[in-house]
C-alpha atoms as a PDB file:
ATOM      1  CA  MET A   1     -14.769  -9.584  19.048  1.00  0.00           C
ATOM      2  CA  ALA A   2     -11.165  -8.638  18.275  1.00  0.00           C
ATOM      3  CA  ALA A   3     -10.455  -5.992  15.644  1.00  0.00           C
ATOM      4  CA  ARG A   4      -9.046  -7.157  12.350  1.00  0.00           C
ATOM      5  CA  PRO A   5      -5.555  -5.957  11.632  1.00  0.00           C
ATOM      6  CA  ARG A   6      -6.530  -3.586   8.843  1.00  0.00           C
ATOM      7  CA  ASP A   7      -9.299  -2.082  11.015  1.00  0.00           C
ATOM      8  CA  ARG A   8      -6.693  -1.613  13.882  1.00  0.00           C
ATOM      9  CA  ASP A   9      -4.134  -0.049  11.599  1.00  0.00           C
ATOM     10  CA  ASP A  10      -6.738   2.281  10.007  1.00  0.00           C
ATOM     11  CA  ARG A  11      -7.775   3.351  13.583  1.00  0.00           C
ATOM     12  CA  ARG A  12      -4.113   4.002  14.532  1.00  0.00           C
ATOM     13  CA  ASP A  13      -3.591   6.022  11.428  1.00  0.00           C
ATOM     14  CA  LEU A  14      -6.619   8.160  12.356  1.00  0.00           C
ATOM     15  CA  VAL A  15      -5.428   8.481  16.024  1.00  0.00           C
ATOM     16  CA  LEU A  16      -2.110   9.770  14.586  1.00  0.00           C
ATOM     17  CA  ARG A  17      -3.770  12.285  12.474  1.00  0.00           C
ATOM     18  CA  ARG A  18      -5.918  13.557  15.443  1.00  0.00           C
ATOM     19  CA  LEU A  19      -2.710  13.936  17.567  1.00  0.00           C
ATOM     20  CA  ALA A  20      -1.349  16.248  14.844  1.00  0.00           C
ATOM     21  CA  ASP A  21      -4.600  18.163  14.195  1.00  0.00           C
ATOM     22  CA  GLN A  22      -5.496  18.507  17.865  1.00  0.00           C
ATOM     23  CA  PRO A  23      -2.471  18.641  20.280  1.00  0.00           C
ATOM     24  CA  GLY A  24      -3.638  18.109  23.779  1.00  0.00           C
ATOM     25  CA  VAL A  25      -6.534  15.723  22.967  1.00  0.00           C
ATOM     26  CA  THR A  26      -7.061  13.211  25.817  1.00  0.00           C
ATOM     27  CA  ALA A  27      -7.191   9.447  25.689  1.00  0.00           C
ATOM     28  CA  ARG A  28     -10.792   9.548  26.827  1.00  0.00           C
ATOM     29  CA  ALA A  29     -11.791  11.802  24.006  1.00  0.00           C
ATOM     30  CA  LEU A  30     -10.024   9.579  21.505  1.00  0.00           C
ATOM     31  CA  ALA A  31     -11.788   6.482  22.969  1.00  0.00           C
ATOM     32  CA  GLU A  32     -15.184   8.238  22.670  1.00  0.00           C
ATOM     33  CA  GLU A  33     -14.462   9.391  19.052  1.00  0.00           C
ATOM     34  CA  PHE A  34     -13.431   5.897  17.800  1.00  0.00           C
ATOM     35  CA  GLY A  35     -15.921   3.966  19.956  1.00  0.00           C
ATOM     36  CA  THR A  36     -13.393   1.942  21.832  1.00  0.00           C
ATOM     37  CA  GLY A  37     -11.957   1.651  25.342  1.00  0.00           C
ATOM     38  CA  ILE A  38      -9.268   3.856  26.896  1.00  0.00           C
ATOM     39  CA  ARG A  39      -6.964   0.850  27.284  1.00  0.00           C
ATOM     40  CA  THR A  40      -7.224   0.153  23.542  1.00  0.00           C
ATOM     41  CA  ILE A  41      -6.234   3.757  22.915  1.00  0.00           C
ATOM     42  CA  PHE A  42      -3.164   3.298  25.202  1.00  0.00           C
ATOM     43  CA  ARG A  43      -2.219   0.267  23.189  1.00  0.00           C
ATOM     44  CA  ASP A  44      -2.641   2.188  20.017  1.00  0.00           C
ATOM     45  CA  LEU A  45      -0.377   4.979  21.370  1.00  0.00           C
ATOM     46  CA  GLU A  46       2.233   2.514  22.352  1.00  0.00           C
ATOM     47  CA  ALA A  47       2.155   0.862  18.873  1.00  0.00           C
ATOM     48  CA  LEU A  48       2.668   4.301  17.319  1.00  0.00           C
ATOM     49  CA  ARG A  49       5.702   4.956  19.571  1.00  0.00           C
ATOM     50  CA  THR A  50       7.128   1.525  18.442  1.00  0.00           C
ATOM     51  CA  ARG A  51       6.586   2.620  14.840  1.00  0.00           C
ATOM     52  CA  GLY A  52       8.852   5.590  15.603  1.00  0.00           C
ATOM     53  CA  TYR A  53       6.272   8.400  16.202  1.00  0.00           C
ATOM     54  CA  PRO A  54       7.131  10.620  19.133  1.00  0.00           C
ATOM     55  CA  VAL A  55       3.855  10.560  21.086  1.00  0.00           C
ATOM     56  CA  GLU A  56       4.069  12.701  24.211  1.00  0.00           C
ATOM     57  CA  ALA A  57       1.780  12.877  27.240  1.00  0.00           C
ATOM     58  CA  SER A  58       1.534  15.633  29.850  1.00  0.00           C
ATOM     59  CA  ARG A  59      -0.647  15.866  32.998  1.00  0.00           C
ATOM     60  CA  GLY A  60      -2.597  18.732  34.501  1.00  0.00           C
ATOM     61  CA  ARG A  61      -4.435  21.678  32.952  1.00  0.00           C
ATOM     62  CA  GLY A  62      -3.552  22.159  29.316  1.00  0.00           C
ATOM     63  CA  GLY A  63      -2.046  18.603  29.207  1.00  0.00           C
ATOM     64  CA  GLY A  64      -2.985  15.737  27.044  1.00  0.00           C
ATOM     65  CA  LEU A  65      -1.478  13.951  24.132  1.00  0.00           C
ATOM     66  CA  ARG A  66       0.520  15.431  21.259  1.00  0.00           C
ATOM     67  CA  LEU A  67       3.233  14.648  18.656  1.00  0.00           C
ATOM     68  CA  ALA A  68       6.665  16.150  19.250  1.00  0.00           C
ATOM     69  CA  PRO A  69       7.323  18.840  16.717  1.00  0.00           C
ATOM     70  CA  ARG A  70      10.643  17.446  15.499  1.00  0.00           C
ATOM     71  CA  TRP A  71       9.640  14.300  13.543  1.00  0.00           C
ATOM     72  CA  GLY A  72       9.741  13.471   9.837  1.00  0.00           C
ATOM     73  CA  LEU A  73       7.176  15.103   7.537  1.00  0.00           C
ATOM     74  CA  GLY A  74       5.771  17.528  10.050  1.00  0.00           C
ATOM     75  CA  ARG A  75       2.079  17.771   9.770  1.00  0.00           C
ATOM     76  CA  VAL A  76       1.861  15.550   6.586  1.00  0.00           C
ATOM     77  CA  LEU A  77       0.764  12.217   8.046  1.00  0.00           C
ATOM     78  CA  LEU A  78       0.366   9.384   5.442  1.00  0.00           C
ATOM     79  CA  ALA A  79      -1.213   5.958   5.962  1.00  0.00           C
ATOM     80  CA  ARG A  80       0.876   3.055   4.715  1.00  0.00           C
ATOM     81  CA  GLU A  81      -1.193   2.762   1.402  1.00  0.00           C
ATOM     82  CA  GLU A  82      -1.046   6.596   0.898  1.00  0.00           C
ATOM     83  CA  ALA A  83       2.719   6.522   1.342  1.00  0.00           C
ATOM     84  CA  LEU A  84       3.064   3.690  -1.131  1.00  0.00           C
ATOM     85  CA  ALA A  85       0.822   5.498  -3.628  1.00  0.00           C
ATOM     86  CA  ALA A  86       3.023   8.530  -3.439  1.00  0.00           C
ATOM     87  CA  LEU A  87       6.156   6.442  -3.937  1.00  0.00           C
ATOM     88  CA  VAL A  88       4.716   4.677  -6.881  1.00  0.00           C
ATOM     89  CA  ALA A  89       3.625   7.979  -8.548  1.00  0.00           C
ATOM     90  CA  LEU A  90       7.242   9.301  -8.159  1.00  0.00           C
ATOM     91  CA  ALA A  91       8.728   6.053  -9.528  1.00  0.00           C
ATOM     92  CA  VAL A  92       6.393   5.949 -12.511  1.00  0.00           C
ATOM     93  CA  ALA A  93       7.278   9.639 -13.298  1.00  0.00           C
ATOM     94  CA  ASP A  94      10.902   8.776 -13.027  1.00  0.00           C
ATOM     95  CA  ARG A  95      10.744   5.949 -15.374  1.00  0.00           C
ATOM     96  CA  LEU A  96       8.691   7.888 -17.913  1.00  0.00           C
ATOM     97  CA  GLY A  97      11.536  10.303 -18.239  1.00  0.00           C
ATOM     98  CA  LEU A  98       9.536  13.474 -17.652  1.00  0.00           C
ATOM     99  CA  PRO A  99      11.622  16.498 -19.092  1.00  0.00           C
ATOM    100  CA  VAL A 100      10.520  18.825 -16.280  1.00  0.00           C
ATOM    101  CA  PHE A 101      11.856  18.211 -12.735  1.00  0.00           C
ATOM    102  CA  ALA A 102      13.319  14.913 -14.066  1.00  0.00           C
ATOM    103  CA  ASP A 103      16.577  15.397 -11.998  1.00  0.00           C
ATOM    104  CA  ASP A 104      14.466  15.945  -8.794  1.00  0.00           C
ATOM    105  CA  LEU A 105      12.194  12.845  -8.964  1.00  0.00           C
ATOM    106  CA  GLY A 106      14.613  10.169  -7.597  1.00  0.00           C
ATOM    107  CA  ARG A 107      15.932  12.554  -4.885  1.00  0.00           C
ATOM    108  CA  ALA A 108      12.392  13.318  -3.941  1.00  0.00           C
ATOM    109  CA  ARG A 109      11.612   9.583  -3.616  1.00  0.00           C
ATOM    110  CA  ARG A 110      14.463   8.955  -1.437  1.00  0.00           C
ATOM    111  CA  ARG A 111      13.855  11.945   0.793  1.00  0.00           C
ATOM    112  CA  LEU A 112      10.270  10.867   1.258  1.00  0.00           C
ATOM    113  CA  VAL A 113      11.304   7.503   2.458  1.00  0.00           C
ATOM    114  CA  ASP A 114      13.965   8.989   4.751  1.00  0.00           C
ATOM    115  CA  ALA A 115      11.458  11.297   6.285  1.00  0.00           C
ATOM    116  CA  PHE A 116       9.355   8.457   7.769  1.00  0.00           C
ATOM    117  CA  PRO A 117      10.315   7.289  11.322  1.00  0.00           C
ATOM    118  CA  GLN A 118      12.425   4.067  11.338  1.00  0.00           C
ATOM    119  CA  GLY A 119       9.574   1.980  12.522  1.00  0.00           C
ATOM    120  CA  GLU A 120       7.199   3.166   9.821  1.00  0.00           C
ATOM    121  CA  ARG A 121       9.999   2.573   7.165  1.00  0.00           C
ATOM    122  CA  ARG A 122      10.090  -1.044   8.317  1.00  0.00           C
ATOM    123  CA  ARG A 123       6.360  -1.276   8.082  1.00  0.00           C
ATOM    124  CA  LEU A 124       6.363   0.024   4.463  1.00  0.00           C
ATOM    125  CA  ALA A 125       9.406  -1.877   3.269  1.00  0.00           C
ATOM    126  CA  PRO A 126       7.703  -5.281   2.559  1.00  0.00           C
ATOM    127  CA  LEU A 127       5.032  -3.540   0.347  1.00  0.00           C
ATOM    128  CA  ARG A 128       7.705  -1.642  -1.525  1.00  0.00           C
ATOM    129  CA  GLU A 129       9.489  -4.885  -2.343  1.00  0.00           C
ATOM    130  CA  ARG A 130       6.350  -6.097  -3.995  1.00  0.00           C
ATOM    131  CA  VAL A 131       5.654  -3.166  -6.360  1.00  0.00           C
ATOM    132  CA  VAL A 132       7.912  -2.805  -9.417  1.00  0.00           C
ATOM    133  CA  VAL A 133       7.946  -0.287 -12.282  1.00  0.00           C
ATOM    134  CA  GLY A 134       9.103  -1.115 -15.826  1.00  0.00           C
ATOM    135  CA  ALA A 135       9.341   0.849 -19.158  1.00  0.00           C
ATOM    136  CA  PRO A 136       6.206   2.406 -20.571  1.00  0.00           C
ATOM    137  CA  ALA A 137       3.802  -0.137 -22.230  1.00  0.00           C
ATOM    138  CA  SER A 138       3.842  -0.807 -26.047  1.00  0.00           C
ATOM    139  CA  ARG A 139       1.629   1.316 -28.168  1.00  0.00           C
ATOM    140  CA  ALA A 140      -0.690  -1.609 -28.750  1.00  0.00           C
ATOM    141  CA  VAL A 141      -1.063  -2.226 -24.961  1.00  0.00           C
ATOM    142  CA  ALA A 142      -1.439   1.384 -24.159  1.00  0.00           C
ATOM    143  CA  GLU A 143      -4.238   1.824 -26.834  1.00  0.00           C
ATOM    144  CA  SER A 144      -6.160  -1.166 -25.576  1.00  0.00           C
ATOM    145  CA  TYR A 145      -5.776  -0.652 -21.877  1.00  0.00           C
ATOM    146  CA  ALA A 146      -9.028   0.660 -20.189  1.00  0.00           C
ATOM    147  CA  ALA A 147      -9.798   2.064 -16.760  1.00  0.00           C
ATOM    148  CA  PRO A 148     -10.041  -0.764 -14.321  1.00  0.00           C
ATOM    149  CA  ALA A 149     -13.222  -1.420 -12.493  1.00  0.00           C
ATOM    150  CA  HIS A 150     -13.098   0.579  -9.241  1.00  0.00           C
ATOM    151  CA  GLY A 151     -14.729  -2.126  -6.979  1.00  0.00           C
ATOM    152  CA  ALA A 152     -12.052  -4.671  -8.174  1.00  0.00           C
ATOM    153  CA  MET A 153      -9.224  -2.250  -7.727  1.00  0.00           C
ATOM    154  CA  ARG A 154     -10.214  -1.606  -4.067  1.00  0.00           C
ATOM    155  CA  ALA A 155     -10.441  -5.255  -3.507  1.00  0.00           C
ATOM    156  CA  LEU A 156      -7.083  -5.878  -5.124  1.00  0.00           C
ATOM    157  CA  GLN A 157      -5.529  -3.066  -3.046  1.00  0.00           C
ATOM    158  CA  ALA A 158      -6.864  -4.628   0.258  1.00  0.00           C
ATOM    159  CA  ALA A 159      -5.753  -8.188  -0.613  1.00  0.00           C
ATOM    160  CA  PHE A 160      -2.282  -7.022  -1.822  1.00  0.00           C
ATOM    161  CA  ALA A 161      -1.675  -4.757   1.250  1.00  0.00           C
ATOM    162  CA  ASP A 162      -2.842  -7.272   3.801  1.00  0.00           C
ATOM    163  CA  ALA A 163      -1.439 -10.457   1.859  1.00  0.00           C
ATOM    164  CA  ARG A 164      -4.870 -12.264   1.638  1.00  0.00           C
ATOM    165  CA  LEU A 165      -6.367 -14.411  -1.050  1.00  0.00           C
ATOM    166  CA  LEU A 166      -8.415 -12.833  -3.737  1.00  0.00           C
ATOM    167  CA  ASP A 167     -11.330 -14.249  -5.822  1.00  0.00           C
ATOM    168  CA  ILE A 168     -11.376 -12.777  -9.255  1.00  0.00           C
ATOM    169  CA  SER A 169     -13.517 -12.824 -12.385  1.00  0.00           C
ATOM    170  CA  TYR A 170     -11.153 -12.355 -15.330  1.00  0.00           C
ATOM    171  CA  VAL A 171     -11.777 -11.620 -18.897  1.00  0.00           C
ATOM    172  CA  ARG A 172      -8.991 -12.765 -21.269  1.00  0.00           C
ATOM    173  CA  GLY A 173      -8.018 -11.067 -24.378  1.00  0.00           C
ATOM    174  CA  ASP A 174     -10.139 -13.329 -26.466  1.00  0.00           C
ATOM    175  CA  GLY A 175     -13.232 -12.499 -24.304  1.00  0.00           C
ATOM    176  CA  CYS A 176     -13.434 -15.856 -22.450  1.00  0.00           C
ATOM    177  CA  ARG A 177     -14.284 -15.314 -18.714  1.00  0.00           C
ATOM    178  CA  HIS A 178     -12.682 -17.283 -15.977  1.00  0.00           C
ATOM    179  CA  ARG A 179     -12.972 -17.421 -12.159  1.00  0.00           C
ATOM    180  CA  ARG A 180      -9.824 -17.770 -10.237  1.00  0.00           C
ATOM    181  CA  THR A 181      -8.543 -17.681  -6.546  1.00  0.00           C
ATOM    182  CA  ILE A 182      -5.090 -16.047  -6.425  1.00  0.00           C
ATOM    183  CA  GLU A 183      -2.344 -14.832  -4.239  1.00  0.00           C
ATOM    184  CA  PRO A 184      -1.606 -11.290  -5.373  1.00  0.00           C
ATOM    185  CA  HIS A 185       2.147 -11.138  -4.815  1.00  0.00           C
ATOM    186  CA  VAL A 186       3.509  -8.408  -6.979  1.00  0.00           C
ATOM    187  CA  LEU A 187       2.199  -5.345  -8.781  1.00  0.00           C
ATOM    188  CA  LEU A 188       3.964  -4.634 -12.060  1.00  0.00           C
ATOM    189  CA  ILE A 189       3.554  -1.277 -13.745  1.00  0.00           C
ATOM    190  CA  ASN A 190       4.285  -0.746 -17.399  1.00  0.00           C
ATOM    191  CA  TRP A 191       2.603   2.653 -17.599  1.00  0.00           C
ATOM    192  CA  PRO A 192      -0.328   3.010 -18.235  1.00  0.00           C
ATOM    193  CA  ALA A 193      -0.785  -0.713 -17.780  1.00  0.00           C
ATOM    194  CA  TRP A 194      -0.900  -2.482 -14.391  1.00  0.00           C
ATOM    195  CA  TYR A 195      -0.456  -6.227 -13.898  1.00  0.00           C
ATOM    196  CA  VAL A 196      -0.706  -8.338 -10.869  1.00  0.00           C
ATOM    197  CA  LEU A 197       1.733 -11.273 -10.629  1.00  0.00           C
ATOM    198  CA  ALA A 198       0.005 -13.863  -8.642  1.00  0.00           C
ATOM    199  CA  TRP A 199      -0.034 -17.568  -7.617  1.00  0.00           C
ATOM    200  CA  ASP A 200      -3.182 -19.146  -9.104  1.00  0.00           C
ATOM    201  CA  LEU A 201      -4.376 -21.782  -6.619  1.00  0.00           C
ATOM    202  CA  GLY A 202      -6.312 -23.625  -9.174  1.00  0.00           C
ATOM    203  CA  ARG A 203      -3.454 -23.971 -11.661  1.00  0.00           C
ATOM    204  CA  GLY A 204      -0.762 -24.387  -9.023  1.00  0.00           C
ATOM    205  CA  ALA A 205       1.406 -21.857 -10.903  1.00  0.00           C
ATOM    206  CA  ALA A 206       2.339 -18.284 -11.285  1.00  0.00           C
ATOM    207  CA  ARG A 207       0.178 -16.271 -13.577  1.00  0.00           C
ATOM    208  CA  THR A 208       0.045 -12.622 -14.675  1.00  0.00           C
ATOM    209  CA  PHE A 209      -3.163 -10.738 -14.920  1.00  0.00           C
ATOM    210  CA  ARG A 210      -3.769  -7.623 -16.603  1.00  0.00           C
ATOM    211  CA  VAL A 211      -5.631  -5.399 -14.150  1.00  0.00           C
ATOM    212  CA  ASP A 212      -8.109  -3.736 -16.439  1.00  0.00           C
ATOM    213  CA  ARG A 213      -9.312  -7.234 -17.206  1.00  0.00           C
ATOM    214  CA  LEU A 214     -10.370  -7.906 -13.617  1.00  0.00           C
ATOM    215  CA  GLU A 215     -14.287  -7.794 -13.937  1.00  0.00           C
ATOM    216  CA  ALA A 216     -14.795  -8.338 -10.298  1.00  0.00           C
ATOM    217  CA  ALA A 217     -12.844  -9.273  -7.218  1.00  0.00           C
ATOM    218  CA  THR A 218     -13.526 -10.175  -3.538  1.00  0.00           C
ATOM    219  CA  VAL A 219     -11.091 -10.439  -0.749  1.00  0.00           C
ATOM    220  CA  VAL A 220     -10.890 -13.858   0.965  1.00  0.00           C
ATOM    221  CA  ASP A 221     -10.164 -13.716   4.735  1.00  0.00           C
ATOM    222  CA  THR A 222      -7.313 -16.193   4.199  1.00  0.00           C
ATOM    223  CA  PRO A 223      -3.657 -14.963   4.534  1.00  0.00           C
ATOM    224  CA  PHE A 224      -0.771 -16.035   2.442  1.00  0.00           C
ATOM    225  CA  VAL A 225       3.077 -15.656   2.754  1.00  0.00           C
ATOM    226  CA  PRO A 226       4.371 -13.307   0.130  1.00  0.00           C
ATOM    227  CA  ARG A 227       7.006 -14.846  -2.195  1.00  0.00           C
ATOM    228  CA  PRO A 228       7.830 -12.222  -4.754  1.00  0.00           C
ATOM    229  CA  GLN A 229      11.467 -13.021  -5.397  1.00  0.00           C
ATOM    230  CA  THR A 230      10.936 -16.529  -6.831  1.00  0.00           C
ATOM    231  CA  LEU A 231       7.885 -15.415  -8.865  1.00  0.00           C
ATOM    232  CA  LEU A 232       9.444 -12.252 -10.176  1.00  0.00           C
ATOM    233  CA  ALA A 233      12.642 -13.937 -11.341  1.00  0.00           C
ATOM    234  CA  ALA A 234      10.524 -16.399 -13.507  1.00  0.00           C
ATOM    235  CA  THR A 235       8.190 -13.703 -14.840  1.00  0.00           C
ATOM    236  CA  VAL A 236      10.562 -10.850 -15.782  1.00  0.00           C
ATOM    237  CA  GLU A 237      12.301 -12.824 -18.327  1.00  0.00           C
ATOM    238  CA  ASP A 238       9.032 -13.729 -19.995  1.00  0.00           C
ATOM    239  CA  LEU A 239       7.923 -10.101 -20.049  1.00  0.00           C
ATOM    240  CA  ARG A 240      11.378  -9.062 -21.363  1.00  0.00           C
ATOM    241  CA  ALA A 241      11.395  -5.988 -19.303  1.00  0.00           C
ATOM    242  CA  THR A 242      13.700  -4.395 -16.705  1.00  0.00           C
ATOM    243  CA  PHE A 243      11.997  -3.475 -13.548  1.00  0.00           C
ATOM    244  CA  GLU A 244      12.863  -1.158 -10.700  1.00  0.00           C
ATOM    245  CA  ARG A 245      11.420  -1.625  -7.224  1.00  0.00           C
ATOM    246  CA  VAL A 246       9.492   1.365  -5.710  1.00  0.00           C
END
């Protein structure tokens, strides 16, 4: 059975970490650790090279696999979602106008992006286009916003990152519950409130859902093609906010 793209990407991120933590590790040792064949590990290594990571191999005693010491963030290796989380945190802090280190936030965000190899920047770019940060939420929204359900958030993160449909149970502001199947296209952040801008398959229209009102969510193994530009243009005017992409 072929590995799902997310499982494969997760394994490659772990292989990358192992190369940084254990220079000289062999392909056979990696195959045994991750429960796969050596040919699969070689394909993973080639995929990492395509993404811009300088994976080196040497033969003989003391040889093995390693990362060249010259690249990017050195020993700080971030998965795609971890890198996005760091960029979101910096973007939110920047929009909040924090008085301490305020001048450094935008520069730190740019340097973080520049530190990734070119292939990794290309892999992260489509997700960055789909996360936007606006002004802080109004006092009424901030006071009513609650901590989102952890399970629903993990499902939303997976569906958003992999561009897959999401079945949700949603509680409206008036307490009515609805079940929806959505395409989660864009995450909107008006700190501390998060919203997901989605295409509602049942309604055949764009809808905005407040994330803390997602009672439950399940990823559907059906992909969709992200279309944030059209949806965002129609929604920003309704929200009367100016957004900045992460």
